[in-house]
Protein backbone atom coordinates (compact mmCIF):
# COMPACT_ATOMS: atom_id res chain seq x y z
CA MET A 1 -2.97 18.06 35.52
CA LYS A 2 -1.23 15.04 37.05
CA ARG A 3 -3.73 12.74 35.28
CA ILE A 4 -2.94 14.31 31.92
CA ALA A 5 0.80 13.96 32.54
CA LEU A 6 0.30 10.35 33.58
CA ALA A 7 -1.81 9.62 30.48
CA VAL A 8 0.83 11.18 28.20
CA ALA A 9 3.61 9.22 29.91
CA MET A 10 1.66 5.98 29.51
CA PHE A 11 0.98 6.72 25.84
CA VAL A 12 4.63 7.48 25.14
CA SER A 13 5.77 4.35 26.94
CA LEU A 14 3.34 2.23 24.92
CA ALA A 15 4.30 3.90 21.64
CA ALA A 16 8.06 3.53 22.20
CA PRO A 17 8.09 -0.25 21.69
CA ALA A 18 6.21 0.21 18.40
CA TRP A 19 8.85 2.60 17.08
CA ALA A 20 11.57 0.25 18.27
CA GLY A 21 9.86 -2.50 16.25
CA ILE A 22 10.04 -0.35 13.14
CA ASP A 23 13.73 0.35 13.65
CA GLU A 24 14.48 -3.30 14.40
CA GLY A 25 12.33 -4.53 11.51
CA VAL A 26 13.87 -2.17 8.98
CA ALA A 27 17.37 -2.97 10.23
CA ALA A 28 16.64 -6.70 9.89
CA TYR A 29 15.32 -6.12 6.37
CA LYS A 30 18.41 -4.12 5.36
CA ARG A 31 20.78 -6.83 6.61
CA GLY A 32 18.77 -9.57 4.86
CA ASP A 33 17.23 -11.13 7.98
CA TYR A 34 13.79 -11.22 6.37
CA LYS A 35 12.24 -13.67 8.82
CA LEU A 36 12.99 -11.31 11.72
CA ALA A 37 11.80 -8.36 9.63
CA ILE A 38 8.45 -10.08 9.03
CA GLN A 39 8.18 -10.89 12.74
CA GLU A 40 8.89 -7.28 13.78
CA LEU A 41 6.95 -5.49 11.05
CA THR A 42 3.74 -7.51 10.75
CA PRO A 43 2.17 -6.26 14.02
CA LEU A 44 2.98 -2.67 13.03
CA ALA A 45 1.46 -3.13 9.59
CA GLU A 46 -1.65 -4.58 11.20
CA GLN A 47 -1.87 -1.42 13.33
CA GLY A 48 -2.02 0.66 10.13
CA HIS A 49 1.54 1.89 9.58
CA GLY A 50 1.51 2.64 5.82
CA ASP A 51 5.24 2.51 5.15
CA VAL A 52 5.48 -0.83 6.92
CA GLN A 53 2.49 -2.12 4.94
CA TYR A 54 4.35 -1.21 1.75
CA LEU A 55 7.48 -3.01 2.93
CA LEU A 56 5.53 -6.16 3.82
CA GLY A 57 3.81 -6.01 0.45
CA ARG A 58 7.22 -5.91 -1.27
CA MET A 59 8.42 -8.86 0.79
CA TYR A 60 5.41 -10.98 -0.19
CA HIS A 61 5.59 -9.73 -3.78
CA THR A 62 9.20 -10.81 -4.17
CA GLY A 63 9.29 -13.72 -1.71
CA LEU A 64 11.77 -12.24 0.76
CA GLY A 65 11.56 -14.23 4.01
CA VAL A 66 8.17 -15.66 3.03
CA PRO A 67 6.87 -17.70 0.12
CA GLN A 68 6.06 -15.39 -2.78
CA ASP A 69 2.36 -14.60 -2.47
CA TYR A 70 0.81 -12.01 -4.78
CA ALA A 71 -2.53 -12.16 -2.95
CA GLU A 72 -0.87 -11.30 0.38
CA ALA A 73 1.20 -8.59 -1.35
CA THR A 74 -2.04 -7.15 -2.74
CA LEU A 75 -3.56 -7.04 0.74
CA TRP A 76 -0.69 -4.99 2.15
CA TYR A 77 -0.36 -2.78 -0.92
CA ARG A 78 -4.09 -2.01 -0.79
CA ARG A 79 -3.91 -0.98 2.87
CA ALA A 80 -1.06 1.42 2.14
CA ALA A 81 -2.61 2.61 -1.14
CA GLU A 82 -5.82 3.52 0.66
CA GLN A 83 -3.71 5.72 2.93
CA GLY A 84 -2.37 7.54 -0.13
CA ASN A 85 0.91 5.73 -0.85
CA PRO A 86 1.45 6.38 -4.59
CA GLY A 87 3.97 3.55 -4.93
CA CYS A 88 1.43 1.06 -3.64
CA GLN A 89 -1.24 2.59 -5.85
CA PHE A 90 1.03 1.98 -8.84
CA LEU A 91 1.77 -1.57 -7.73
CA LEU A 92 -1.94 -2.33 -7.33
CA GLY A 93 -2.46 -1.07 -10.87
CA PHE A 94 0.29 -3.41 -12.03
CA LEU A 95 -1.16 -6.40 -10.18
CA TYR A 96 -4.64 -5.76 -11.57
CA SER A 97 -3.28 -5.26 -15.09
CA THR A 98 -1.45 -8.59 -14.98
CA GLY A 99 -3.85 -10.60 -12.82
CA ARG A 100 -1.25 -11.43 -10.19
CA GLY A 101 -2.82 -11.98 -6.78
CA VAL A 102 -6.15 -10.66 -8.03
CA PRO A 103 -8.36 -11.39 -11.02
CA LYS A 104 -7.19 -9.40 -14.02
CA ASP A 105 -9.28 -6.22 -14.04
CA LEU A 106 -8.37 -3.39 -16.39
CA VAL A 107 -10.89 -1.02 -14.80
CA GLN A 108 -9.21 -1.44 -11.40
CA ALA A 109 -5.77 -1.20 -13.03
CA HIS A 110 -6.73 2.05 -14.75
CA PHE A 111 -8.26 3.34 -11.51
CA TRP A 112 -5.15 2.70 -9.41
CA PHE A 113 -2.79 4.02 -12.09
CA SER A 114 -4.95 7.16 -12.29
CA VAL A 115 -4.91 7.71 -8.54
CA SER A 116 -1.13 7.33 -8.48
CA ALA A 117 -0.72 9.54 -11.57
CA ALA A 118 -2.74 12.25 -9.83
CA ARG A 119 -0.04 12.24 -7.15
CA GLY A 120 2.62 12.88 -9.80
CA SER A 121 3.74 9.41 -10.86
CA ASP A 122 4.88 9.53 -14.47
CA ALA A 123 5.23 5.73 -14.55
CA SER A 124 1.57 5.44 -13.49
CA ARG A 125 0.49 7.87 -16.20
CA LYS A 126 2.31 5.84 -18.85
CA SER A 127 0.95 2.56 -17.48
CA ARG A 128 -2.57 3.98 -17.46
CA GLU A 129 -2.17 4.93 -21.13
CA ARG A 130 -1.01 1.40 -22.00
CA VAL A 131 -3.93 -0.18 -20.14
CA ALA A 132 -6.42 2.23 -21.70
CA LYS A 133 -5.46 0.95 -25.18
CA LYS A 134 -6.85 -2.46 -24.16
CA MET A 135 -10.09 -1.07 -22.70
CA THR A 136 -13.49 -0.21 -24.11
CA PRO A 137 -14.79 3.35 -23.75
CA THR A 138 -17.30 2.03 -21.19
CA GLN A 139 -14.52 0.52 -19.08
CA ILE A 140 -12.52 3.75 -19.20
CA ALA A 141 -15.59 5.74 -18.18
CA GLU A 142 -16.13 3.37 -15.23
CA ALA A 143 -12.51 3.75 -14.08
CA GLN A 144 -12.80 7.54 -14.36
CA ARG A 145 -16.06 7.45 -12.36
CA LEU A 146 -14.29 5.51 -9.59
CA VAL A 147 -11.51 8.10 -9.49
CA ARG A 148 -14.01 10.98 -9.29
CA GLU A 149 -15.87 9.15 -6.52
CA LEU A 150 -12.66 8.66 -4.54
CA MET A 151 -11.61 12.28 -5.01
CA GLY A 152 -15.07 13.43 -3.90
CA LYS A 153 -14.78 11.39 -0.72
CA ARG A 154 -11.37 12.88 0.01
CA ARG A 155 -12.66 16.43 -0.47
CA GLY A 156 -15.58 15.65 1.81
CA LYS A 157 -13.33 14.73 4.75
């Protein structure tokens, strides 16, 4: 029993600095100290914290505290989107539909808009409809196949 208590105490003590980093990073972001925010938040994003990944993506997307870099924004958005963040799913659809940070790819745009729309995003649904008007039936079918494949994987978990 003492070993379990010791293990829990060690885990909590190791996790506490991570949460402090989130608080410090978000506070720095809110007060406009973007360089400190990047410094505090990057390690947490690398550890898989989805909300922090979104925030880093926004910072690279808009050039807050870092040079604007759509490719780096895409990296962070994708990590959060793959964890189910509908905002990042929408933003990936936008980046693919415009070719910012990634090669323009309407199939991927449609896919990400569809995934986000399935989570209730009306903006994603409308964006998907706009993109679909520029696509061939084969491209739409491919995007729909990718969505079905993703949904099948999620059900299989």
